Protein backbone atom coordinates (compact mmCIF):
# COMPACT_ATOMS: atom_id res chain seq x y z
CA MET A 1 -29.95 53.27 -23.75
CA LEU A 2 -30.60 50.76 -26.83
CA GLY A 3 -27.01 50.43 -27.57
CA GLU A 4 -25.91 50.10 -24.46
CA ALA A 5 -28.39 47.56 -22.91
CA ARG A 6 -26.95 45.24 -26.57
CA PHE A 7 -23.80 45.61 -25.45
CA ARG A 8 -24.17 44.08 -21.68
CA LEU A 9 -26.62 41.66 -23.33
CA GLU A 10 -23.85 40.73 -25.86
CA HIS A 11 -21.27 40.90 -23.25
CA GLY A 12 -23.00 38.45 -20.85
CA ALA A 13 -23.37 36.01 -23.48
CA LYS A 14 -19.91 35.79 -24.43
CA MET A 15 -18.94 35.45 -20.27
CA ARG A 16 -21.34 32.60 -20.76
CA ILE A 17 -19.65 30.92 -23.47
CA LEU A 18 -16.19 31.86 -21.91
CA PHE A 19 -17.23 30.21 -18.71
CA LEU A 20 -18.06 26.85 -20.58
CA VAL A 21 -15.20 27.07 -22.63
CA LEU A 22 -13.10 27.04 -19.44
CA PHE A 23 -14.58 24.53 -17.72
CA LEU A 24 -14.50 22.30 -20.59
CA PHE A 25 -10.44 23.22 -21.17
CA CYS A 26 -9.97 22.25 -17.09
CA LEU A 27 -12.32 19.12 -17.14
CA PHE A 28 -10.72 17.58 -20.39
CA VAL A 29 -7.16 19.12 -20.75
CA PRO A 30 -6.09 17.39 -17.34
CA ALA A 31 -7.20 14.27 -18.57
CA SER A 32 -5.50 14.54 -21.35
CA PHE A 33 -2.26 14.51 -19.25
CA GLY A 34 -2.44 11.92 -16.84
CA GLN A 35 -3.31 14.25 -13.98
CA ALA A 36 -7.44 13.04 -13.73
CA THR A 37 -8.27 9.30 -14.11
CA ASN A 38 -11.18 7.34 -15.17
CA ARG A 39 -11.89 4.52 -12.27
CA GLY A 40 -15.08 3.44 -13.32
CA ASP A 41 -16.04 5.55 -10.11
CA GLY A 42 -15.84 9.07 -11.86
CA LEU A 43 -12.94 11.27 -12.74
CA VAL A 44 -10.07 11.59 -9.89
CA PHE A 45 -7.96 14.43 -9.99
CA GLY A 46 -4.24 14.10 -8.68
CA LYS A 47 -4.07 9.88 -8.06
CA LYS A 48 -2.77 7.58 -10.61
CA PRO A 49 -5.02 4.49 -10.71
CA GLU A 50 -4.13 1.93 -8.46
CA ASP A 51 -2.60 -1.74 -9.33
CA PRO A 52 -4.73 -4.42 -8.14
CA PRO A 53 -3.90 -6.07 -5.37
CA LEU A 54 -1.40 -9.47 -6.24
CA ALA A 55 -2.55 -13.22 -5.55
CA ASN A 56 -1.47 -14.73 -1.79
CA PRO A 57 0.18 -16.65 -2.25
CA TYR A 58 1.55 -15.64 -5.45
CA HIS A 59 3.05 -17.72 -8.50
CA VAL A 60 6.31 -16.08 -8.96
CA PRO A 61 8.36 -17.54 -12.22
CA ALA A 62 11.65 -18.02 -10.40
CA GLY A 63 13.63 -20.72 -8.56
CA ARG A 64 12.59 -21.09 -4.15
CA ASP A 65 15.82 -20.56 -3.84
CA ASP A 66 16.38 -17.55 -6.46
CA ILE A 67 13.58 -16.06 -4.15
CA VAL A 68 14.40 -16.69 -0.86
CA LYS A 69 18.50 -14.67 -2.01
CA VAL A 70 15.95 -11.86 -3.37
CA ILE A 71 13.66 -11.61 0.19
CA GLN A 72 16.82 -11.19 1.72
CA ARG A 73 18.97 -8.92 0.24
CA ILE A 74 14.95 -6.65 0.05
CA LEU A 75 14.90 -7.37 4.02
CA GLU A 76 18.80 -5.60 4.34
CA GLU A 77 18.26 -2.79 2.07
CA GLN A 78 15.15 -1.89 4.42
CA GLU A 79 17.01 -2.79 7.66
CA VAL A 80 15.16 -5.21 8.64
CA PRO A 81 16.55 -8.37 10.87
CA LEU A 82 15.37 -11.86 9.64
CA ASN A 83 15.15 -13.84 13.13
CA VAL A 84 16.71 -16.38 13.18
CA ASP A 85 15.26 -18.47 14.65
CA GLU A 86 12.59 -19.31 13.32
CA SER A 87 13.72 -18.50 9.58
CA LYS A 88 14.56 -21.90 7.87
CA PRO A 89 15.86 -20.48 3.74
CA ALA A 90 16.70 -23.56 3.13
CA ASN A 91 13.22 -24.78 2.91
CA GLY A 92 11.87 -21.69 2.00
CA GLN A 93 10.76 -19.81 5.43
CA LEU A 94 11.70 -16.85 6.55
CA SER A 95 10.71 -14.87 9.17
CA THR A 96 11.27 -11.00 10.48
CA GLN A 97 12.27 -10.27 13.80
CA LYS A 98 9.19 -7.64 15.41
CA VAL A 99 9.59 -4.09 13.87
CA ILE A 100 8.21 -0.82 15.45
CA TYR A 101 6.75 0.87 12.51
CA SER A 102 5.16 3.34 14.62
CA LYS A 103 4.63 5.96 17.33
CA GLY A 104 2.82 8.30 19.18
CA THR A 105 -0.59 10.10 18.78
CA HIS A 106 -0.71 8.56 15.06
CA VAL A 107 -0.17 4.84 16.20
CA ARG A 108 -4.54 4.44 16.22
CA GLU A 109 -4.85 5.30 12.57
CA ASP A 110 -1.47 3.34 11.50
CA LEU A 111 -3.36 0.71 12.91
CA GLN A 112 -6.41 1.24 11.40
CA HIS A 113 -4.92 1.32 8.22
CA PHE A 114 -3.06 -2.32 8.39
CA GLY A 115 -5.66 -4.14 11.10
CA ASN A 116 -8.64 -4.80 11.91
CA LEU A 117 -8.92 -2.75 14.79
CA LEU A 118 -12.58 -2.89 16.27
CA GLN A 119 -13.70 1.56 16.44
CA SER A 120 -15.47 0.63 19.72
CA SER A 121 -11.51 -0.05 21.22
CA THR A 122 -10.81 2.80 23.84
CA ARG A 123 -7.65 1.84 24.59
CA ASN A 124 -4.55 4.13 24.37
CA TRP A 125 -2.56 2.83 21.53
CA THR A 126 1.38 3.64 21.82
CA LYS A 127 3.22 1.96 19.24
CA ALA A 128 3.08 -0.60 16.32
CA ARG A 129 4.93 -3.06 15.41
CA VAL A 130 5.10 -6.02 12.34
CA ALA A 131 6.53 -9.04 11.75
CA LEU A 132 6.86 -10.67 8.10
CA SER A 133 7.07 -14.00 7.34
CA PHE A 134 7.80 -16.04 4.07
CA LYS A 135 6.94 -18.67 3.12
CA ILE A 136 8.06 -20.41 -0.20
CA ASP A 137 7.44 -23.62 -2.14
CA PRO A 138 8.70 -24.67 -4.92
CA ILE A 139 6.11 -26.09 -7.78
CA ASP A 140 8.74 -27.14 -10.20
CA PRO A 141 12.18 -26.23 -10.64
CA GLY A 142 11.60 -22.28 -12.44
CA HIS A 143 8.90 -21.54 -10.30
CA SER A 144 7.48 -20.82 -6.81
CA GLU A 145 4.40 -20.01 -4.58
CA LEU A 146 5.32 -17.13 -2.37
CA PHE A 147 3.43 -16.30 0.80
CA ILE A 148 3.43 -13.84 2.95
CA MET A 149 1.87 -13.06 6.33
CA ALA A 150 2.25 -10.07 8.17
CA LYS A 151 1.23 -10.45 12.25
CA PHE A 152 0.76 -6.96 13.85
CA GLU A 153 0.59 -5.89 17.41
CA GLY A 154 -0.60 -2.55 19.52
CA LEU A 155 1.22 -1.56 22.83
CA SER A 156 -1.95 -0.61 25.12
CA VAL A 157 -1.27 1.40 27.75
CA ASP A 158 -3.85 1.71 30.30
CA ALA A 159 -4.00 4.78 32.55
CA GLY A 160 -0.14 5.05 32.73
CA ILE A 161 0.19 1.96 34.95
CA SER A 162 0.23 -1.03 33.09
CA SER A 163 0.93 -1.79 28.86
CA GLU A 164 0.29 -5.38 26.83
CA TRP A 165 0.86 -5.91 23.40
CA VAL A 166 -2.34 -6.98 22.16
CA ALA A 167 -2.49 -8.94 18.27
CA ILE A 168 -3.77 -7.22 15.54
CA SER A 169 -5.58 -9.21 12.66
CA SER A 170 -3.98 -8.10 9.09
CA ARG A 171 -6.52 -6.72 6.72
CA GLY A 172 -4.31 -7.65 4.06
CA THR A 173 -3.08 -4.38 3.04
CA LEU A 174 0.59 -4.84 3.66
CA GLU A 175 1.21 -8.41 2.16
CA PRO A 176 0.48 -7.30 -1.81
CA THR A 177 2.30 -4.51 -1.69
CA THR A 178 4.92 -7.03 -0.37
CA ILE A 179 4.53 -9.21 -2.68
CA ARG A 180 4.71 -6.84 -6.14
CA ARG A 181 8.10 -5.28 -4.62
CA CYS A 182 9.51 -9.47 -4.05
CA ALA A 183 7.71 -10.13 -7.38
CA LEU A 184 9.40 -6.74 -9.40
CA SER A 185 12.86 -7.53 -7.06
CA GLU A 186 12.93 -11.41 -8.62
CA SER A 187 11.82 -10.60 -12.06
CA SER A 188 14.05 -7.68 -12.74
CA SER A 189 17.22 -9.77 -10.91
CA CYS A 190 16.44 -12.93 -13.44
CA ALA A 191 16.83 -10.37 -16.27
CA GLN A 192 19.61 -9.15 -15.44
């Protein structure tokens, strides 16, 4: 009987040690493989740390004409049509046509992600669209400033009778991503 109690005690201690080892293994091994990252607010599993947003306007180490060509190529690749009436590539101004990027039941969430949508709004949103404006100002022959502005709109339908496009102010979420894409594309095209 005494031997059996001793066995249970040793077995329980071994199980606690095994549990502790497994816990520490699960805590530290994913961090060594890049699956857990410390962003200052604890460990975050399954996500990589996000790069800080780029400034808007962004200083690009390329001439205005080169940046205009890169933006036009990116928009063409993404099948986003330019607004020919508002665009003046020779002056470094490009504008896109309004593109619908969301339809259906998730439009409210999509508008809230990119725009400052009032939480108290009881509107029934059925579509969301965006138009981008690019302004490239030369600093010197090899450097320019790239400024991007996104204009969001949501289609509000009231009781199925009337509908109107309502302007939504941007939260600045899309612009840094677009600047990063343009800046990285410009730097890679300059390296070729």
